[in-house]
Amino acid sequence: ASRPLDGLVPEAVLRLLDRHGVSTAGELLSLSALDVCEVLNLSWSQAAHLLHLVATQVTPAFSTAT
């Protein structure tokens, strides 16, 4: 989960997260979806999609968990 976000998220997202001190997947996943909405100015569904995308990239078992 300490995997850098480089390559996991678009460059623009990376820059915004970096401004808020978020640079690893673990730090991003520790945020609530609401925090992600506010930090990145995303809709609820976009934030949820981003969190899910990162979670499945860094935790393969996460994508198969129900």
Foldseek 3Di string as FASTA:
>chain_A
DQAFCVVQDDPVLCVLVVVVVDTGLVSLLVDDLVVSCVSVVHDSVVSVVSNLSSCCVVPVVVVVDD
